[in-house]
Protein backbone atom coordinates (compact mmCIF):
# COMPACT_ATOMS: atom_id res chain seq x y z
CA MET A 1 -30.71 -12.48 -1.12
CA ARG A 2 -30.84 -9.56 0.85
CA VAL A 3 -28.51 -6.61 -0.33
CA THR A 4 -27.65 -3.54 1.43
CA VAL A 5 -26.60 -0.73 -1.14
CA THR A 6 -23.90 2.10 -0.83
CA GLY A 7 -24.47 4.87 -3.39
CA ALA A 8 -27.72 3.68 -4.62
CA SER A 9 -29.22 7.28 -5.68
CA GLY A 10 -26.20 7.20 -8.08
CA LEU A 11 -25.65 5.88 -11.57
CA ILE A 12 -24.61 2.46 -11.19
CA GLY A 13 -26.22 2.06 -7.61
CA GLY A 14 -29.85 2.45 -8.99
CA HIS A 15 -29.69 0.31 -12.07
CA VAL A 16 -27.73 -2.20 -9.57
CA MET A 17 -30.57 -1.72 -7.04
CA ALA A 18 -33.62 -1.87 -9.43
CA ALA A 19 -31.93 -5.08 -11.32
CA LEU A 20 -31.94 -6.86 -7.75
CA LEU A 21 -35.79 -6.17 -6.93
CA ALA A 22 -36.40 -7.14 -10.87
CA ARG A 23 -35.05 -10.70 -9.97
CA GLY A 24 -36.89 -10.56 -6.43
CA ASP A 25 -34.28 -9.74 -4.02
CA GLU A 26 -34.64 -7.48 -0.73
CA VAL A 27 -32.58 -4.22 -1.10
CA VAL A 28 -31.33 -2.33 1.84
CA PRO A 29 -30.49 1.45 0.35
CA VAL A 30 -28.09 3.35 2.04
CA SER A 31 -28.51 6.93 2.21
CA ARG A 32 -27.12 10.40 3.62
CA GLY A 33 -30.42 12.51 3.06
CA LYS A 34 -32.92 10.59 1.57
CA ALA A 35 -35.41 8.53 3.91
CA THR A 36 -36.41 6.38 0.79
CA VAL A 37 -34.80 5.15 -2.33
CA GLY A 38 -36.45 4.19 -5.49
CA GLY A 39 -39.47 3.98 -3.53
CA VAL A 40 -37.32 1.86 -0.76
CA PRO A 41 -37.13 2.78 2.96
CA ALA A 42 -33.38 3.57 3.31
CA VAL A 43 -30.96 3.33 6.17
CA ARG A 44 -29.62 7.39 6.82
CA TRP A 45 -25.82 7.45 7.41
CA ASP A 46 -22.76 9.58 6.75
CA VAL A 47 -19.84 8.62 7.57
CA ALA A 48 -19.21 11.63 9.28
CA SER A 49 -21.91 10.52 11.65
CA GLY A 50 -20.35 7.30 12.91
CA PRO A 51 -19.72 3.69 12.28
CA PHE A 52 -21.42 1.92 9.37
CA PRO A 53 -25.16 1.05 11.05
CA GLU A 54 -26.11 -2.11 12.42
CA ALA A 55 -29.24 -1.68 10.29
CA ALA A 56 -27.05 -2.26 7.20
CA THR A 57 -25.52 -5.30 8.04
CA ASP A 58 -28.09 -7.29 10.49
CA GLY A 59 -29.69 -9.99 8.40
CA VAL A 60 -28.13 -8.78 5.09
CA ASP A 61 -26.11 -11.51 2.93
CA ALA A 62 -24.16 -8.91 0.85
CA VAL A 63 -23.19 -5.93 0.46
CA VAL A 64 -22.73 -3.63 -2.54
CA ASN A 65 -20.46 -0.74 -2.28
CA LEU A 66 -20.44 2.17 -4.71
CA ALA A 67 -20.56 5.51 -2.49
CA GLY A 68 -18.23 7.93 -3.79
CA ALA A 69 -18.15 11.62 -5.43
CA SER A 70 -18.35 12.40 -8.94
CA VAL A 71 -14.86 12.57 -10.66
CA GLY A 72 -15.90 14.86 -13.57
CA GLU A 73 -17.42 17.78 -11.16
CA GLY A 74 -15.37 20.50 -10.16
CA ARG A 75 -11.83 20.97 -11.06
CA TRP A 76 -9.37 18.88 -9.18
CA THR A 77 -8.22 21.53 -6.82
CA ALA A 78 -6.18 20.17 -3.74
CA ALA A 79 -9.71 20.72 -1.33
CA ARG A 80 -11.90 18.51 -3.93
CA LYS A 81 -8.84 15.83 -4.45
CA GLY A 82 -9.29 15.23 -1.05
CA ILE A 83 -13.22 14.77 -1.14
CA LEU A 84 -12.98 12.63 -4.16
CA GLN A 85 -10.44 10.39 -1.74
CA GLY A 86 -12.14 10.77 1.29
CA SER A 87 -15.66 9.95 -0.13
CA ARG A 88 -14.39 6.73 -1.14
CA VAL A 89 -11.72 5.67 1.19
CA LEU A 90 -13.60 6.64 4.49
CA THR A 91 -16.72 5.18 3.81
CA THR A 92 -15.85 1.90 2.51
CA THR A 93 -13.19 1.70 5.56
CA ALA A 94 -16.12 1.99 7.64
CA VAL A 95 -18.50 -0.44 5.96
CA ALA A 96 -15.59 -3.17 5.35
CA ASP A 97 -14.93 -2.86 9.53
CA ALA A 98 -18.14 -3.13 9.91
CA LEU A 99 -17.95 -6.29 8.09
CA ALA A 100 -14.89 -7.34 9.44
CA ARG A 101 -16.23 -8.50 13.28
CA GLY A 102 -17.10 -11.58 11.02
CA VAL A 103 -20.70 -11.17 11.97
CA GLY A 104 -23.56 -10.46 9.18
CA PRO A 105 -22.67 -10.14 4.94
CA ARG A 106 -20.43 -12.67 3.42
CA VAL A 107 -19.80 -10.96 0.33
CA LEU A 108 -18.53 -6.93 -0.37
CA VAL A 109 -18.80 -5.95 -3.90
CA SER A 110 -16.77 -2.49 -3.67
CA GLY A 111 -16.40 0.33 -6.65
CA SER A 112 -13.11 1.23 -8.39
CA ALA A 113 -12.41 2.25 -11.52
CA THR A 114 -9.85 1.61 -14.52
CA GLY A 115 -7.87 4.43 -13.06
CA TYR A 116 -5.96 1.82 -11.54
CA TYR A 117 -4.15 1.11 -13.92
CA GLY A 118 -2.83 4.92 -14.69
CA ASN A 119 -1.79 5.86 -18.50
CA ARG A 120 -0.76 3.31 -19.73
CA GLY A 121 -0.29 3.64 -23.64
CA ASP A 122 -0.87 0.46 -25.61
CA GLU A 123 0.01 -2.28 -22.95
CA VAL A 124 -2.83 -4.74 -22.17
CA LEU A 125 -3.91 -4.49 -19.21
CA ASP A 126 -5.96 -7.64 -17.19
CA GLU A 127 -6.46 -7.41 -13.16
CA SER A 128 -3.31 -8.64 -12.49
CA ALA A 129 -1.58 -5.57 -14.04
CA THR A 130 0.24 -2.47 -11.82
CA ALA A 131 -1.08 0.19 -9.96
CA GLY A 132 -0.36 3.45 -11.83
CA ASP A 133 0.93 6.18 -10.14
CA ASP A 134 -0.96 9.26 -10.80
CA PHE A 135 -4.17 10.88 -8.61
CA LEU A 136 -6.42 8.52 -10.17
CA ALA A 137 -4.50 5.35 -9.58
CA ASP A 138 -3.37 6.25 -5.90
CA THR A 139 -7.25 6.84 -5.34
CA ALA A 140 -8.27 3.52 -7.07
CA VAL A 141 -5.34 1.88 -4.65
CA ARG A 142 -6.55 3.43 -1.14
CA TRP A 143 -10.07 2.38 -2.08
CA GLU A 144 -9.60 -1.05 -2.56
CA ALA A 145 -7.24 -1.20 0.13
CA ALA A 146 -10.15 0.35 2.35
CA ALA A 147 -12.47 -2.64 1.04
CA ARG A 148 -9.68 -5.78 1.63
CA ARG A 149 -10.01 -4.97 5.28
CA ALA A 150 -13.29 -7.00 5.18
CA GLU A 151 -11.53 -9.67 4.42
CA ALA A 152 -10.03 -9.92 8.26
CA GLY A 153 -13.44 -11.28 9.14
CA GLY A 154 -13.31 -14.18 6.37
CA VAL A 155 -15.88 -12.02 3.67
CA ARG A 156 -15.45 -12.59 0.25
CA VAL A 157 -14.34 -9.01 -1.39
CA CYS A 158 -14.69 -8.39 -5.03
CA LEU A 159 -13.45 -5.12 -6.64
CA SER A 160 -15.40 -3.74 -9.58
CA ARG A 161 -12.66 -2.02 -11.57
CA THR A 162 -15.20 0.15 -13.92
CA GLY A 163 -15.01 1.74 -17.01
CA MET A 164 -16.51 4.76 -18.75
CA VAL A 165 -20.06 3.83 -18.23
CA LEU A 166 -21.99 4.17 -21.06
CA SER A 167 -26.18 5.35 -19.76
CA ARG A 168 -28.82 7.74 -21.23
CA HIS A 169 -29.37 7.87 -17.35
CA GLY A 170 -25.95 10.07 -16.44
CA GLY A 171 -22.61 9.59 -16.83
CA VAL A 172 -20.56 10.94 -19.92
CA LEU A 173 -23.01 9.95 -22.63
CA PRO A 174 -25.32 12.68 -22.27
CA ARG A 175 -22.74 15.23 -22.43
CA LEU A 176 -21.08 13.79 -25.17
CA ALA A 177 -24.25 13.39 -27.45
CA ARG A 178 -24.82 16.90 -26.72
CA LEU A 179 -21.91 17.71 -28.37
CA ALA A 180 -22.12 15.38 -30.97
CA ARG A 181 -25.28 16.39 -32.27
CA THR A 182 -23.77 20.05 -33.11
CA GLY A 183 -21.19 18.48 -34.66
CA VAL A 184 -18.11 19.31 -31.58
CA VAL A 185 -17.09 15.74 -30.92
CA GLY A 186 -13.95 14.38 -32.70
CA PRO A 187 -10.07 13.24 -31.59
CA ILE A 188 -9.02 14.45 -28.26
CA GLY A 189 -5.35 14.51 -27.99
CA GLY A 190 -4.86 12.84 -31.11
CA GLY A 191 -7.91 10.16 -30.16
CA ARG A 192 -5.40 8.01 -29.85
CA GLN A 193 -5.63 6.79 -26.32
CA TRP A 194 -7.44 3.74 -25.39
CA VAL A 195 -11.18 3.90 -23.75
CA PRO A 196 -12.03 0.88 -21.67
CA TRP A 197 -15.84 1.93 -22.20
CA VAL A 198 -18.76 -0.64 -21.13
CA HIS A 199 -22.61 -0.46 -21.01
CA VAL A 200 -24.20 0.35 -17.94
CA ASP A 201 -26.26 -2.90 -18.09
CA ASP A 202 -23.29 -5.09 -18.51
CA VAL A 203 -21.45 -3.19 -14.99
CA VAL A 204 -24.73 -4.35 -13.55
CA GLY A 205 -24.20 -7.89 -14.79
CA MET A 206 -20.92 -8.10 -13.69
CA ILE A 207 -21.60 -7.17 -10.07
CA LEU A 208 -24.53 -9.42 -9.65
CA ALA A 209 -22.39 -12.44 -11.20
CA ALA A 210 -19.90 -11.30 -8.27
CA LEU A 211 -22.51 -11.28 -5.71
CA ASP A 212 -24.07 -14.86 -7.13
CA ASP A 213 -20.60 -16.93 -7.70
CA ASP A 214 -18.25 -17.18 -5.18
CA ALA A 215 -15.38 -18.10 -8.17
CA TRP A 216 -15.64 -14.45 -8.33
CA THR A 217 -13.10 -12.55 -5.61
CA GLY A 218 -10.46 -9.84 -5.78
CA PRO A 219 -10.34 -7.37 -8.47
CA PHE A 220 -12.49 -7.39 -12.13
CA ASN A 221 -12.32 -5.16 -14.90
CA ALA A 222 -16.17 -4.01 -15.65
CA VAL A 223 -15.64 -3.71 -18.87
CA ALA A 224 -16.45 -4.29 -22.49
CA PRO A 225 -14.41 -7.37 -24.26
CA GLU A 226 -11.98 -4.82 -26.29
CA ALA A 227 -11.11 -1.26 -25.37
CA THR A 228 -11.72 1.52 -28.25
CA ARG A 229 -9.44 4.43 -29.06
CA GLN A 230 -10.97 7.86 -28.66
CA GLY A 231 -11.37 8.84 -31.96
CA ASP A 232 -12.61 5.66 -32.89
CA VAL A 233 -15.27 6.27 -29.70
CA ALA A 234 -15.97 9.59 -30.97
CA LYS A 235 -16.75 7.77 -34.90
CA ALA A 236 -19.16 5.73 -33.69
CA LEU A 237 -21.37 8.47 -31.59
CA GLY A 238 -20.98 10.28 -34.96
CA ARG A 239 -22.17 7.62 -36.93
CA VAL A 240 -25.07 6.75 -34.24
CA LEU A 241 -26.37 10.09 -34.28
CA GLY A 242 -26.25 10.85 -37.92
CA ARG A 243 -23.19 13.82 -37.17
CA PRO A 244 -19.61 14.54 -38.38
CA ALA A 245 -16.96 13.82 -35.92
CA VAL A 246 -14.35 15.20 -36.89
CA ALA A 247 -13.47 18.32 -34.51
CA ARG A 248 -10.44 18.10 -32.94
CA THR A 249 -9.49 19.62 -29.51
CA PRO A 250 -5.28 19.39 -28.85
CA ALA A 251 -4.44 18.40 -25.54
CA PHE A 252 -3.23 21.87 -24.78
CA VAL A 253 -6.56 23.78 -24.64
CA LEU A 254 -7.75 20.90 -22.04
CA LYS A 255 -5.02 21.20 -19.81
CA ALA A 256 -5.36 24.69 -20.03
CA SER A 257 -9.46 24.46 -19.02
CA MET A 258 -9.46 21.49 -16.97
CA GLY A 259 -6.33 21.27 -15.26
CA GLU A 260 -5.23 18.15 -14.07
CA MET A 261 -8.35 16.59 -14.19
CA ALA A 262 -7.54 16.90 -18.36
CA ALA A 263 -6.48 13.24 -17.60
CA LEU A 264 -9.95 11.86 -17.63
CA VAL A 265 -10.08 12.15 -21.40
CA LEU A 266 -5.94 12.59 -22.13
CA ASP A 267 -5.06 9.63 -20.59
CA GLY A 268 -6.15 5.42 -21.57
CA GLN A 269 -6.23 2.16 -20.72
CA ARG A 270 -6.76 -1.13 -22.89
CA THR A 271 -8.29 -3.30 -20.74
CA VAL A 272 -9.15 -6.69 -20.96
CA PRO A 273 -12.07 -8.18 -18.91
CA ARG A 274 -10.43 -11.73 -18.23
CA VAL A 275 -11.67 -12.36 -14.83
CA ALA A 276 -15.46 -11.87 -16.64
CA THR A 277 -14.58 -13.71 -19.50
CA ALA A 278 -12.88 -16.87 -17.36
CA SER A 279 -16.06 -16.75 -15.85
CA GLY A 280 -18.28 -17.77 -18.76
CA TYR A 281 -19.59 -14.11 -18.18
CA ARG A 282 -21.91 -13.11 -21.61
CA TRP A 283 -21.71 -9.32 -22.60
CA ALA A 284 -25.21 -7.92 -23.49
CA PHE A 285 -23.32 -5.10 -25.29
CA ALA A 286 -20.02 -6.11 -26.59
CA ASP A 287 -20.34 -4.11 -29.44
CA LEU A 288 -19.87 -0.22 -29.32
CA ASP A 289 -22.23 0.74 -32.01
CA HIS A 290 -25.01 -1.66 -30.51
CA ALA A 291 -24.40 -0.18 -27.07
CA LEU A 292 -24.57 3.86 -28.71
CA ARG A 293 -27.50 2.58 -30.47
CA ALA A 294 -29.33 1.26 -27.42
CA GLU A 295 -28.96 4.51 -25.32
CA MET A 296 -29.68 6.80 -27.55
CA GLY A 297 -32.73 5.38 -29.24
CA VAL A 298 -31.70 5.00 -32.56
C-alpha cells in the first residue's frame, strides 16, 4: 500500500509513518518546510500556497490526515483559536476536496478528538453520541465535516476521535511525569472528570485497522477500552514512578492561569470504543498501569 501522511512529523503521524514502513508499505509524507521526514523524501505543501498537490495523491492508495496545531500550546486567545481551527479545517478541506475528484486515494483516515463530545460528566459516550457545544467540540465538528467532503468522490472516510495519548516522546505524558517526580501531581479540580486515555501504539493500531478494513467507516473512538477518572490517572502515575500523588489543584487556580484552555484538564469524556471493539481490535495496552510502565521504562 502507498499511503500519504500529513502531519507526519507530529507525535502520532511519526508513529504511523514508522509503523507503515515497518510492515513494508510505501509512505509519502507531506511537510510545510522539510525536504525529508524520518529519512523519507517529503512532498512540500502549505495550505496557504494552493490546492493539495497532485504529487501527494498520484499512485496513492490512502491518505492519513493528522495535520493541526497543538491545542496545548499557547493561551487560547481569539487569534490562537483561529489558528487551532484553521490548521485543521483548512488543511483537511484541501485534502478532502482533492480526493473528492474521484481519482487517486480511495480511503481517508482523518484526525479528530474526543473533545467532539464536550464536557459530559458521567454519560457513557460511544461514536453515536451527539457533539458538545464548546470550543473543542465546535473545532472537532468542523474538522470532521471537512473530511467528509471526500465522500462526494466515493472515498471511504474514517474519523479518529483520539483521546489523551500516552507517549514518552511527546504530548502530555512527559510534562505530567516531570511534575509527578517532584510530587506535584494529584487530583485536579476534584479529580472526578473522566480521562479518555490511549497508548500511542493503539492509536496507530486503530488507524492501520481503519486503513485496511472496509468495515471501518465514519467516526471511531481511538481510546482505551475504559476511560479513567483524572484522580486515578494521577494515582497510577504516582504508583509507576514511586511518588505520592496527593497534591490538589483547585479548578479556580487553573482557570485563572490558563483561561478557557483549562477545559483540557477540567472537562472530561467517558468514551467507549464501540467501533474498535466490534471490529475485533485487540489493544496492546488496555491497562493504564501497563501503558504507563511501558512509556516510563519501569
